[in-house]
Amino acid sequence: MNGHGRETESAANIEYRIAGLEARLAAGELGELGMRIEMHGAAVTVRGTVPTADCREELLRAVGQELAGLAVHTDILIAEVTPPDHSEDLT
Protein backbone atom coordinates (compact mmCIF):
# COMPACT_ATOMS: atom_id res chain seq x y z
CA MET A 1 0.00 0.00 0.00
CA ASN A 2 1.14 3.54 -0.59
CA GLY A 3 1.01 6.43 1.85
CA HIS A 4 -2.59 7.20 0.91
CA GLY A 5 -3.92 3.82 2.00
CA ARG A 6 -4.71 2.64 -1.55
CA GLU A 7 -2.94 -0.07 -3.42
CA THR A 8 -0.82 1.04 -6.33
CA GLU A 9 -2.44 0.05 -9.59
CA SER A 10 -0.54 -2.76 -11.30
CA ALA A 11 1.30 -2.18 -14.56
CA ALA A 12 -0.83 -4.90 -16.19
CA ASN A 13 -4.04 -3.11 -15.19
CA ILE A 14 -2.73 0.24 -16.47
CA GLU A 15 -1.81 -1.42 -19.78
CA TYR A 16 -5.32 -2.92 -19.93
CA ARG A 17 -6.86 0.52 -19.39
CA ILE A 18 -4.59 2.03 -22.06
CA ALA A 19 -5.71 -0.70 -24.49
CA GLY A 20 -9.32 0.17 -23.68
CA LEU A 21 -8.65 3.83 -24.46
CA GLU A 22 -6.90 2.92 -27.72
CA ALA A 23 -9.88 0.74 -28.74
CA ARG A 24 -12.31 3.54 -27.89
CA LEU A 25 -10.34 6.07 -29.91
CA ALA A 26 -9.99 3.66 -32.86
CA ALA A 27 -13.75 3.04 -32.90
CA GLY A 28 -14.66 6.73 -32.85
CA GLU A 29 -14.01 9.80 -34.96
CA LEU A 30 -10.55 10.13 -33.43
CA GLY A 31 -9.43 6.73 -34.76
CA GLU A 32 -7.18 8.06 -37.47
CA LEU A 33 -5.35 10.62 -35.39
CA GLY A 34 -2.48 8.34 -34.43
CA MET A 35 -2.33 9.22 -30.75
CA ARG A 36 0.63 7.77 -28.89
CA ILE A 37 -0.36 6.50 -25.46
CA GLU A 38 2.54 5.32 -23.32
CA MET A 39 2.96 4.16 -19.75
CA HIS A 40 5.84 5.59 -17.73
CA GLY A 41 5.85 3.94 -14.32
CA ALA A 42 2.44 4.65 -12.79
CA ALA A 43 1.80 7.61 -15.12
CA VAL A 44 0.47 7.71 -18.67
CA THR A 45 1.47 10.11 -21.44
CA VAL A 46 -0.83 10.90 -24.37
CA ARG A 47 0.79 12.60 -27.38
CA GLY A 48 -0.36 13.55 -30.83
CA THR A 49 -1.92 16.12 -33.10
CA VAL A 50 -5.61 16.81 -33.64
CA PRO A 51 -7.25 18.95 -36.32
CA THR A 52 -9.42 21.14 -34.06
CA ALA A 53 -9.86 22.34 -30.50
CA ASP A 54 -13.15 20.39 -30.38
CA CYS A 55 -11.28 17.17 -31.22
CA ARG A 56 -8.79 17.94 -28.47
CA GLU A 57 -11.59 18.40 -25.96
CA GLU A 58 -13.24 15.14 -27.08
CA LEU A 59 -9.92 13.33 -26.73
CA LEU A 60 -9.29 14.77 -23.27
CA ARG A 61 -12.79 13.73 -22.19
CA ALA A 62 -12.17 10.14 -23.34
CA VAL A 63 -8.76 10.08 -21.64
CA GLY A 64 -10.29 11.36 -18.40
CA GLN A 65 -13.01 8.72 -18.46
CA GLU A 66 -10.82 5.75 -19.39
CA LEU A 67 -7.82 6.63 -17.24
CA ALA A 68 -9.58 8.18 -14.23
CA GLY A 69 -7.46 8.04 -11.10
CA LEU A 70 -4.14 7.78 -12.95
CA ALA A 71 -1.53 10.49 -13.38
CA VAL A 72 -1.93 11.50 -17.03
CA HIS A 73 0.31 13.90 -18.93
CA THR A 74 -0.84 15.21 -22.29
CA ASP A 75 1.02 16.76 -25.19
CA ILE A 76 -1.75 17.28 -27.72
CA LEU A 77 -1.19 19.83 -30.46
CA ILE A 78 -3.85 21.41 -32.64
CA ALA A 79 -2.83 21.33 -36.31
CA GLU A 80 -2.94 24.48 -38.36
CA VAL A 81 -5.44 23.59 -41.08
CA THR A 82 -6.08 26.98 -42.66
CA PRO A 83 -4.83 27.45 -46.21
CA PRO A 84 -1.90 29.82 -46.72
CA ASP A 85 -2.85 33.44 -47.38
CA HIS A 86 -0.18 33.88 -50.07
CA SER A 87 1.61 31.81 -52.67
CA GLU A 88 5.11 30.48 -52.16
CA ASP A 89 7.86 31.91 -54.38
CA LEU A 90 9.99 29.01 -55.64
CA THR A 91 12.53 31.03 -57.63
PDB file of N, CA and C in Angstrom:
ATOM      1  N   MET A   1       0.843  -1.185   0.000  1.00  0.00           N
ATOM      2  CA  MET A   1       0.000   0.000   0.000  1.00  0.00           C
ATOM      3  C   MET A   1       0.882   1.241   0.000  1.00  0.00           C
ATOM      4  N   ASN A   2       0.379   2.297  -0.608  1.00  0.00           N
ATOM      5  CA  ASN A   2       1.144   3.536  -0.592  1.00  0.00           C
ATOM      6  C   ASN A   2       0.736   4.377   0.608  1.00  0.00           C
ATOM      7  N   GLY A   3       1.274   5.548   0.720  1.00  0.00           N
ATOM      8  CA  GLY A   3       1.006   6.426   1.848  1.00  0.00           C
ATOM      9  C   GLY A   3      -0.423   6.908   1.939  1.00  0.00           C
ATOM     10  N   HIS A   4      -1.204   6.737   0.903  1.00  0.00           N
ATOM     11  CA  HIS A   4      -2.587   7.199   0.906  1.00  0.00           C
ATOM     12  C   HIS A   4      -3.556   6.082   1.257  1.00  0.00           C
ATOM     13  N   GLY A   5      -3.058   4.910   1.593  1.00  0.00           N
ATOM     14  CA  GLY A   5      -3.921   3.822   2.000  1.00  0.00           C
ATOM     15  C   GLY A   5      -4.551   3.065   0.844  1.00  0.00           C
ATOM     16  N   ARG A   6      -4.184   3.361  -0.385  1.00  0.00           N
ATOM     17  CA  ARG A   6      -4.715   2.644  -1.546  1.00  0.00           C
ATOM     18  C   ARG A   6      -3.593   1.845  -2.170  1.00  0.00           C
ATOM     19  N   GLU A   7      -3.953   0.717  -2.729  1.00  0.00           N
ATOM     20  CA  GLU A   7      -2.940  -0.072  -3.422  1.00  0.00           C
ATOM     21  C   GLU A   7      -2.547   0.620  -4.717  1.00  0.00           C
ATOM     22  N   THR A   8      -1.288   0.506  -5.059  1.00  0.00           N
ATOM     23  CA  THR A   8      -0.822   1.045  -6.327  1.00  0.00           C
ATOM     24  C   THR A   8      -1.362   0.166  -7.447  1.00  0.00           C
ATOM     25  N   GLU A   9      -1.877   0.807  -8.477  1.00  0.00           N
ATOM     26  CA  GLU A   9      -2.438   0.050  -9.595  1.00  0.00           C
ATOM     27  C   GLU A   9      -1.319  -0.695 -10.314  1.00  0.00           C
ATOM     28  N   SER A  10      -1.569  -1.946 -10.651  1.00  0.00           N
ATOM     29  CA  SER A  10      -0.540  -2.764 -11.298  1.00  0.00           C
ATOM     30  C   SER A  10      -0.291  -2.293 -12.725  1.00  0.00           C
ATOM     31  N   ALA A  11       0.926  -2.544 -13.193  1.00  0.00           N
ATOM     32  CA  ALA A  11       1.295  -2.183 -14.562  1.00  0.00           C
ATOM     33  C   ALA A  11       0.389  -2.899 -15.559  1.00  0.00           C
ATOM     34  N   ALA A  12       0.035  -4.147 -15.274  1.00  0.00           N
ATOM     35  CA  ALA A  12      -0.831  -4.901 -16.188  1.00  0.00           C
ATOM     36  C   ALA A  12      -2.205  -4.249 -16.277  1.00  0.00           C
ATOM     37  N   ASN A  13      -2.729  -3.760 -15.170  1.00  0.00           N
ATOM     38  CA  ASN A  13      -4.041  -3.114 -15.191  1.00  0.00           C
ATOM     39  C   ASN A  13      -3.978  -1.776 -15.930  1.00  0.00           C
ATOM     40  N   ILE A  14      -2.883  -1.033 -15.745  1.00  0.00           N
ATOM     41  CA  ILE A  14      -2.726   0.238 -16.466  1.00  0.00           C
ATOM     42  C   ILE A  14      -2.656  -0.038 -17.970  1.00  0.00           C
ATOM     43  N   GLU A  15      -1.901  -1.057 -18.365  1.00  0.00           N
ATOM     44  CA  GLU A  15      -1.806  -1.415 -19.783  1.00  0.00           C
ATOM     45  C   GLU A  15      -3.179  -1.816 -20.328  1.00  0.00           C
ATOM     46  N   TYR A  16      -3.961  -2.520 -19.527  1.00  0.00           N
ATOM     47  CA  TYR A  16      -5.319  -2.919 -19.931  1.00  0.00           C
ATOM     48  C   TYR A  16      -6.180  -1.675 -20.145  1.00  0.00           C
ATOM     49  N   ARG A  17      -6.085  -0.718 -19.261  1.00  0.00           N
ATOM     50  CA  ARG A  17      -6.864   0.516 -19.389  1.00  0.00           C
ATOM     51  C   ARG A  17      -6.414   1.336 -20.598  1.00  0.00           C
ATOM     52  N   ILE A  18      -5.104   1.344 -20.868  1.00  0.00           N
ATOM     53  CA  ILE A  18      -4.591   2.028 -22.060  1.00  0.00           C
ATOM     54  C   ILE A  18      -5.150   1.363 -23.311  1.00  0.00           C
ATOM     55  N   ALA A  19      -5.160   0.034 -23.332  1.00  0.00           N
ATOM     56  CA  ALA A  19      -5.708  -0.699 -24.485  1.00  0.00           C
ATOM     57  C   ALA A  19      -7.183  -0.365 -24.677  1.00  0.00           C
ATOM     58  N   GLY A  20      -7.911  -0.219 -23.587  1.00  0.00           N
ATOM     59  CA  GLY A  20      -9.320   0.174 -23.683  1.00  0.00           C
ATOM     60  C   GLY A  20      -9.480   1.555 -24.283  1.00  0.00           C
ATOM     61  N   LEU A  21      -8.613   2.482 -23.892  1.00  0.00           N
ATOM     62  CA  LEU A  21      -8.649   3.829 -24.461  1.00  0.00           C
ATOM     63  C   LEU A  21      -8.311   3.792 -25.944  1.00  0.00           C
ATOM     64  N   GLU A  22      -7.285   3.027 -26.303  1.00  0.00           N
ATOM     65  CA  GLU A  22      -6.902   2.922 -27.717  1.00  0.00           C
ATOM     66  C   GLU A  22      -8.051   2.346 -28.546  1.00  0.00           C
ATOM     67  N   ALA A  23      -8.738   1.341 -28.019  1.00  0.00           N
ATOM     68  CA  ALA A  23      -9.878   0.744 -28.736  1.00  0.00           C
ATOM     69  C   ALA A  23     -11.001   1.761 -28.883  1.00  0.00           C
ATOM     70  N   ARG A  24     -11.252   2.523 -27.835  1.00  0.00           N
ATOM     71  CA  ARG A  24     -12.306   3.544 -27.886  1.00  0.00           C
ATOM     72  C   ARG A  24     -11.974   4.609 -28.920  1.00  0.00           C
ATOM     73  N   LEU A  25     -10.738   5.051 -28.943  1.00  0.00           N
ATOM     74  CA  LEU A  25     -10.336   6.073 -29.912  1.00  0.00           C
ATOM     75  C   LEU A  25     -10.390   5.529 -31.341  1.00  0.00           C
ATOM     76  N   ALA A  26      -9.981   4.272 -31.523  1.00  0.00           N
ATOM     77  CA  ALA A  26      -9.991   3.663 -32.860  1.00  0.00           C
ATOM     78  C   ALA A  26     -11.411   3.496 -33.381  1.00  0.00           C
ATOM     79  N   ALA A  27     -12.360   3.267 -32.490  1.00  0.00           N
ATOM     80  CA  ALA A  27     -13.745   3.039 -32.900  1.00  0.00           C
ATOM     81  C   ALA A  27     -14.490   4.341 -33.178  1.00  0.00           C
ATOM     82  N   GLY A  28     -13.972   5.457 -32.695  1.00  0.00           N
ATOM     83  CA  GLY A  28     -14.663   6.731 -32.851  1.00  0.00           C
ATOM     84  C   GLY A  28     -14.059   7.593 -33.938  1.00  0.00           C
ATOM     85  N   GLU A  29     -14.483   8.851 -33.954  1.00  0.00           N
ATOM     86  CA  GLU A  29     -14.008   9.797 -34.959  1.00  0.00           C
ATOM     87  C   GLU A  29     -12.511  10.083 -34.827  1.00  0.00           C
ATOM     88  N   LEU A  30     -11.960   9.842 -33.659  1.00  0.00           N
ATOM     89  CA  LEU A  30     -10.549  10.131 -33.430  1.00  0.00           C
ATOM     90  C   LEU A  30      -9.636   9.001 -33.870  1.00  0.00           C
ATOM     91  N   GLY A  31     -10.185   7.936 -34.441  1.00  0.00           N
ATOM     92  CA  GLY A  31      -9.430   6.734 -34.763  1.00  0.00           C
ATOM     93  C   GLY A  31      -8.242   6.929 -35.673  1.00  0.00           C
ATOM     94  N   GLU A  32      -8.271   7.905 -36.517  1.00  0.00           N
ATOM     95  CA  GLU A  32      -7.183   8.064 -37.474  1.00  0.00           C
ATOM     96  C   GLU A  32      -6.169   9.119 -37.052  1.00  0.00           C
ATOM     97  N   LEU A  33      -6.230   9.548 -35.813  1.00  0.00           N
ATOM     98  CA  LEU A  33      -5.349  10.621 -35.387  1.00  0.00           C
ATOM     99  C   LEU A  33      -3.967  10.140 -34.966  1.00  0.00           C
ATOM    100  N   GLY A  34      -3.800   8.859 -34.768  1.00  0.00           N
ATOM    101  CA  GLY A  34      -2.480   8.336 -34.431  1.00  0.00           C
ATOM    102  C   GLY A  34      -1.952   8.824 -33.096  1.00  0.00           C
ATOM    103  N   MET A  35      -2.772   8.823 -32.084  1.00  0.00           N
ATOM    104  CA  MET A  35      -2.330   9.216 -30.753  1.00  0.00           C
ATOM    105  C   MET A  35      -1.347   8.187 -30.212  1.00  0.00           C
ATOM    106  N   ARG A  36      -0.319   8.661 -29.561  1.00  0.00           N
ATOM    107  CA  ARG A  36       0.633   7.771 -28.888  1.00  0.00           C
ATOM    108  C   ARG A  36       0.291   7.789 -27.414  1.00  0.00           C
ATOM    109  N   ILE A  37       0.002   6.620 -26.872  1.00  0.00           N
ATOM    110  CA  ILE A  37      -0.357   6.500 -25.464  1.00  0.00           C
ATOM    111  C   ILE A  37       0.660   5.559 -24.832  1.00  0.00           C
ATOM    112  N   GLU A  38       1.435   6.086 -23.888  1.00  0.00           N
ATOM    113  CA  GLU A  38       2.539   5.320 -23.318  1.00  0.00           C
ATOM    114  C   GLU A  38       2.496   5.355 -21.801  1.00  0.00           C
ATOM    115  N   MET A  39       2.873   4.242 -21.195  1.00  0.00           N
ATOM    116  CA  MET A  39       2.960   4.156 -19.749  1.00  0.00           C
ATOM    117  C   MET A  39       4.396   4.443 -19.326  1.00  0.00           C
ATOM    118  N   HIS A  40       4.538   5.268 -18.315  1.00  0.00           N
ATOM    119  CA  HIS A  40       5.841   5.594 -17.733  1.00  0.00           C
ATOM    120  C   HIS A  40       5.700   5.410 -16.228  1.00  0.00           C
ATOM    121  N   GLY A  41       6.064   4.240 -15.734  1.00  0.00           N
ATOM    122  CA  GLY A  41       5.846   3.938 -14.319  1.00  0.00           C
ATOM    123  C   GLY A  41       4.350   3.854 -14.052  1.00  0.00           C
ATOM    124  N   ALA A  42       3.874   4.639 -13.106  1.00  0.00           N
ATOM    125  CA  ALA A  42       2.436   4.650 -12.786  1.00  0.00           C
ATOM    126  C   ALA A  42       1.719   5.778 -13.507  1.00  0.00           C
ATOM    127  N   ALA A  43       2.413   6.499 -14.372  1.00  0.00           N
ATOM    128  CA  ALA A  43       1.802   7.614 -15.118  1.00  0.00           C
ATOM    129  C   ALA A  43       1.634   7.233 -16.588  1.00  0.00           C
ATOM    130  N   VAL A  44       0.744   7.940 -17.251  1.00  0.00           N
ATOM    131  CA  VAL A  44       0.473   7.708 -18.666  1.00  0.00           C
ATOM    132  C   VAL A  44       0.671   9.027 -19.414  1.00  0.00           C
ATOM    133  N   THR A  45       1.293   8.944 -20.579  1.00  0.00           N
ATOM    134  CA  THR A  45       1.472  10.110 -21.438  1.00  0.00           C
ATOM    135  C   THR A  45       0.693   9.900 -22.726  1.00  0.00           C
ATOM    136  N   VAL A  46      -0.067  10.928 -23.119  1.00  0.00           N
ATOM    137  CA  VAL A  46      -0.834  10.897 -24.366  1.00  0.00           C
ATOM    138  C   VAL A  46      -0.282  12.011 -25.244  1.00  0.00           C
ATOM    139  N   ARG A  47       0.195  11.634 -26.453  1.00  0.00           N
ATOM    140  CA  ARG A  47       0.793  12.602 -27.382  1.00  0.00           C
ATOM    141  C   ARG A  47       0.155  12.478 -28.749  1.00  0.00           C
ATOM    142  N   GLY A  48       0.114  13.594 -29.453  1.00  0.00           N
ATOM    143  CA  GLY A  48      -0.360  13.551 -30.825  1.00  0.00           C
ATOM    144  C   GLY A  48      -0.852  14.899 -31.292  1.00  0.00           C
ATOM    145  N   THR A  49      -1.407  14.902 -32.489  1.00  0.00           N
ATOM    146  CA  THR A  49      -1.923  16.117 -33.104  1.00  0.00           C
ATOM    147  C   THR A  49      -3.365  15.886 -33.520  1.00  0.00           C
ATOM    148  N   VAL A  50      -4.199  16.865 -33.254  1.00  0.00           N
ATOM    149  CA  VAL A  50      -5.612  16.809 -33.639  1.00  0.00           C
ATOM    150  C   VAL A  50      -5.915  17.989 -34.554  1.00  0.00           C
ATOM    151  N   PRO A  51      -6.976  17.878 -35.375  1.00  0.00           N
ATOM    152  CA  PRO A  51      -7.249  18.955 -36.324  1.00  0.00           C
ATOM    153  C   PRO A  51      -7.935  20.177 -35.726  1.00  0.00           C
ATOM    154  N   THR A  52      -8.666  20.018 -34.616  1.00  0.00           N
ATOM    155  CA  THR A  52      -9.420  21.143 -34.062  1.00  0.00           C
ATOM    156  C   THR A  52      -9.391  21.125 -32.536  1.00  0.00           C
ATOM    157  N   ALA A  53      -9.744  22.252 -31.957  1.00  0.00           N
ATOM    158  CA  ALA A  53      -9.861  22.338 -30.502  1.00  0.00           C
ATOM    159  C   ALA A  53     -10.980  21.429 -29.999  1.00  0.00           C
ATOM    160  N   ASP A  54     -12.050  21.287 -30.768  1.00  0.00           N
ATOM    161  CA  ASP A  54     -13.146  20.391 -30.379  1.00  0.00           C
ATOM    162  C   ASP A  54     -12.665  18.944 -30.300  1.00  0.00           C
ATOM    163  N   CYS A  55     -11.838  18.524 -31.253  1.00  0.00           N
ATOM    164  CA  CYS A  55     -11.277  17.166 -31.220  1.00  0.00           C
ATOM    165  C   CYS A  55     -10.396  16.985 -30.004  1.00  0.00           C
ATOM    166  N   ARG A  56      -9.648  18.010 -29.657  1.00  0.00           N
ATOM    167  CA  ARG A  56      -8.789  17.941 -28.474  1.00  0.00           C
ATOM    168  C   ARG A  56      -9.638  17.759 -27.222  1.00  0.00           C
ATOM    169  N   GLU A  57     -10.713  18.513 -27.113  1.00  0.00           N
ATOM    170  CA  GLU A  57     -11.594  18.396 -25.955  1.00  0.00           C
ATOM    171  C   GLU A  57     -12.243  17.016 -25.887  1.00  0.00           C
ATOM    172  N   GLU A  58     -12.666  16.487 -27.037  1.00  0.00           N
ATOM    173  CA  GLU A  58     -13.241  15.140 -27.081  1.00  0.00           C
ATOM    174  C   GLU A  58     -12.213  14.100 -26.645  1.00  0.00           C
ATOM    175  N   LEU A  59     -10.995  14.250 -27.112  1.00  0.00           N
ATOM    176  CA  LEU A  59      -9.922  13.334 -26.733  1.00  0.00           C
ATOM    177  C   LEU A  59      -9.647  13.410 -25.232  1.00  0.00           C
ATOM    178  N   LEU A  60      -9.550  14.613 -24.696  1.00  0.00           N
ATOM    179  CA  LEU A  60      -9.287  14.772 -23.267  1.00  0.00           C
ATOM    180  C   LEU A  60     -10.412  14.188 -22.418  1.00  0.00           C
ATOM    181  N   ARG A  61     -11.641  14.314 -22.887  1.00  0.00           N
ATOM    182  CA  ARG A  61     -12.789  13.732 -22.189  1.00  0.00           C
ATOM    183  C   ARG A  61     -12.662  12.208 -22.142  1.00  0.00           C
ATOM    184  N   ALA A  62     -12.337  11.595 -23.270  1.00  0.00           N
ATOM    185  CA  ALA A  62     -12.171  10.139 -23.337  1.00  0.00           C
ATOM    186  C   ALA A  62     -11.015   9.683 -22.450  1.00  0.00           C
ATOM    187  N   VAL A  63      -9.915  10.420 -22.475  1.00  0.00           N
ATOM    188  CA  VAL A  63      -8.758  10.084 -21.638  1.00  0.00           C
ATOM    189  C   VAL A  63      -9.155  10.153 -20.167  1.00  0.00           C
ATOM    190  N   GLY A  64      -9.863  11.202 -19.784  1.00  0.00           N
ATOM    191  CA  GLY A  64     -10.288  11.358 -18.400  1.00  0.00           C
ATOM    192  C   GLY A  64     -11.205  10.243 -17.933  1.00  0.00           C
ATOM    193  N   GLN A  65     -12.083   9.790 -18.819  1.00  0.00           N
ATOM    194  CA  GLN A  65     -13.011   8.722 -18.456  1.00  0.00           C
ATOM    195  C   GLN A  65     -12.309   7.371 -18.368  1.00  0.00           C
ATOM    196  N   GLU A  66     -11.470   7.062 -19.335  1.00  0.00           N
ATOM    197  CA  GLU A  66     -10.824   5.751 -19.389  1.00  0.00           C
ATOM    198  C   GLU A  66      -9.676   5.607 -18.394  1.00  0.00           C
ATOM    199  N   LEU A  67      -9.008   6.706 -18.096  1.00  0.00           N
ATOM    200  CA  LEU A  67      -7.820   6.633 -17.240  1.00  0.00           C
ATOM    201  C   LEU A  67      -8.022   7.371 -15.914  1.00  0.00           C
ATOM    202  N   ALA A  68      -9.265   7.478 -15.476  1.00  0.00           N
ATOM    203  CA  ALA A  68      -9.580   8.177 -14.231  1.00  0.00           C
ATOM    204  C   ALA A  68      -8.773   7.595 -13.077  1.00  0.00           C
ATOM    205  N   GLY A  69      -8.227   8.473 -12.258  1.00  0.00           N
ATOM    206  CA  GLY A  69      -7.456   8.040 -11.099  1.00  0.00           C
ATOM    207  C   GLY A  69      -5.974   7.863 -11.358  1.00  0.00           C
ATOM    208  N   LEU A  70      -5.562   7.900 -12.618  1.00  0.00           N
ATOM    209  CA  LEU A  70      -4.140   7.775 -12.954  1.00  0.00           C
ATOM    210  C   LEU A  70      -3.543   9.157 -13.196  1.00  0.00           C
ATOM    211  N   ALA A  71      -2.241   9.271 -13.002  1.00  0.00           N
ATOM    212  CA  ALA A  71      -1.530  10.488 -13.376  1.00  0.00           C
ATOM    213  C   ALA A  71      -1.386  10.469 -14.894  1.00  0.00           C
ATOM    214  N   VAL A  72      -1.969  11.453 -15.569  1.00  0.00           N
ATOM    215  CA  VAL A  72      -1.932  11.503 -17.029  1.00  0.00           C
ATOM    216  C   VAL A  72      -1.302  12.826 -17.457  1.00  0.00           C
ATOM    217  N   HIS A  73      -0.326  12.728 -18.349  1.00  0.00           N
ATOM    218  CA  HIS A  73       0.313  13.902 -18.931  1.00  0.00           C
ATOM    219  C   HIS A  73      -0.063  13.939 -20.405  1.00  0.00           C
ATOM    220  N   THR A  74      -0.454  15.109 -20.889  1.00  0.00           N
ATOM    221  CA  THR A  74      -0.844  15.207 -22.294  1.00  0.00           C
ATOM    222  C   THR A  74       0.042  16.209 -23.029  1.00  0.00           C
ATOM    223  N   ASP A  75       0.305  15.890 -24.266  1.00  0.00           N
ATOM    224  CA  ASP A  75       1.024  16.762 -25.188  1.00  0.00           C
ATOM    225  C   ASP A  75       0.267  16.666 -26.503  1.00  0.00           C
ATOM    226  N   ILE A  76      -0.848  17.378 -26.573  1.00  0.00           N
ATOM    227  CA  ILE A  76      -1.745  17.280 -27.724  1.00  0.00           C
ATOM    228  C   ILE A  76      -1.759  18.626 -28.435  1.00  0.00           C
ATOM    229  N   LEU A  77      -1.264  18.614 -29.652  1.00  0.00           N
ATOM    230  CA  LEU A  77      -1.191  19.829 -30.456  1.00  0.00           C
ATOM    231  C   LEU A  77      -2.394  19.933 -31.371  1.00  0.00           C
ATOM    232  N   ILE A  78      -2.780  21.173 -31.675  1.00  0.00           N
ATOM    233  CA  ILE A  78      -3.850  21.413 -32.644  1.00  0.00           C
ATOM    234  C   ILE A  78      -3.180  21.826 -33.943  1.00  0.00           C
ATOM    235  N   ALA A  79      -3.451  21.071 -35.007  1.00  0.00           N
ATOM    236  CA  ALA A  79      -2.827  21.330 -36.308  1.00  0.00           C
ATOM    237  C   ALA A  79      -3.375  22.612 -36.914  1.00  0.00           C
ATOM    238  N   GLU A  80      -2.530  23.297 -37.607  1.00  0.00           N
ATOM    239  CA  GLU A  80      -2.943  24.482 -38.359  1.00  0.00           C
ATOM    240  C   GLU A  80      -3.503  23.992 -39.685  1.00  0.00           C
ATOM    241  N   VAL A  81      -4.802  24.137 -39.884  1.00  0.00           N
ATOM    242  CA  VAL A  81      -5.437  23.593 -41.084  1.00  0.00           C
ATOM    243  C   VAL A  81      -5.963  24.672 -42.021  1.00  0.00           C
ATOM    244  N   THR A  82      -5.629  25.923 -41.760  1.00  0.00           N
ATOM    245  CA  THR A  82      -6.081  26.984 -42.659  1.00  0.00           C
ATOM    246  C   THR A  82      -5.140  27.057 -43.860  1.00  0.00           C
ATOM    247  N   PRO A  83      -5.693  27.340 -45.023  1.00  0.00           N
ATOM    248  CA  PRO A  83      -4.832  27.448 -46.214  1.00  0.00           C
ATOM    249  C   PRO A  83      -3.934  28.680 -46.098  1.00  0.00           C
ATOM    250  N   PRO A  84      -2.784  28.657 -46.763  1.00  0.00           N
ATOM    251  CA  PRO A  84      -1.897  29.821 -46.718  1.00  0.00           C
ATOM    252  C   PRO A  84      -2.582  31.044 -47.339  1.00  0.00           C
ATOM    253  N   ASP A  85      -2.230  32.208 -46.859  1.00  0.00           N
ATOM    254  CA  ASP A  85      -2.850  33.435 -47.382  1.00  0.00           C
ATOM    255  C   ASP A  85      -2.070  34.030 -48.545  1.00  0.00           C
ATOM    256  N   HIS A  86      -0.955  33.398 -48.919  1.00  0.00           N
ATOM    257  CA  HIS A  86      -0.179  33.878 -50.072  1.00  0.00           C
ATOM    258  C   HIS A  86       0.520  32.683 -50.736  1.00  0.00           C
ATOM    259  N   SER A  87       0.927  32.891 -51.972  1.00  0.00           N
ATOM    260  CA  SER A  87       1.612  31.808 -52.675  1.00  0.00           C
ATOM    261  C   SER A  87       3.095  31.796 -52.293  1.00  0.00           C
ATOM    262  N   GLU A  88       3.712  30.647 -52.475  1.00  0.00           N
ATOM    263  CA  GLU A  88       5.114  30.481 -52.156  1.00  0.00           C
ATOM    264  C   GLU A  88       5.945  30.762 -53.408  1.00  0.00           C
ATOM    265  N   ASP A  89       6.969  31.579 -53.261  1.00  0.00           N
ATOM    266  CA  ASP A  89       7.855  31.913 -54.379  1.00  0.00           C
ATOM    267  C   ASP A  89       8.962  30.877 -54.434  1.00  0.00           C
ATOM    268  N   LEU A  90       9.015  30.086 -55.511  1.00  0.00           N
ATOM    269  CA  LEU A  90       9.993  29.006 -55.639  1.00  0.00           C
ATOM    270  C   LEU A  90      11.208  29.375 -56.465  1.00  0.00           C
ATOM    271  N   THR A  91      11.368  30.628 -56.816  1.00  0.00           N
ATOM    272  CA  THR A  91      12.529  31.026 -57.632  1.00  0.00           C
ATOM    273  C   THR A  91      13.686  31.476 -56.809  1.00  0.00           C
TER     274      THR A  91
END
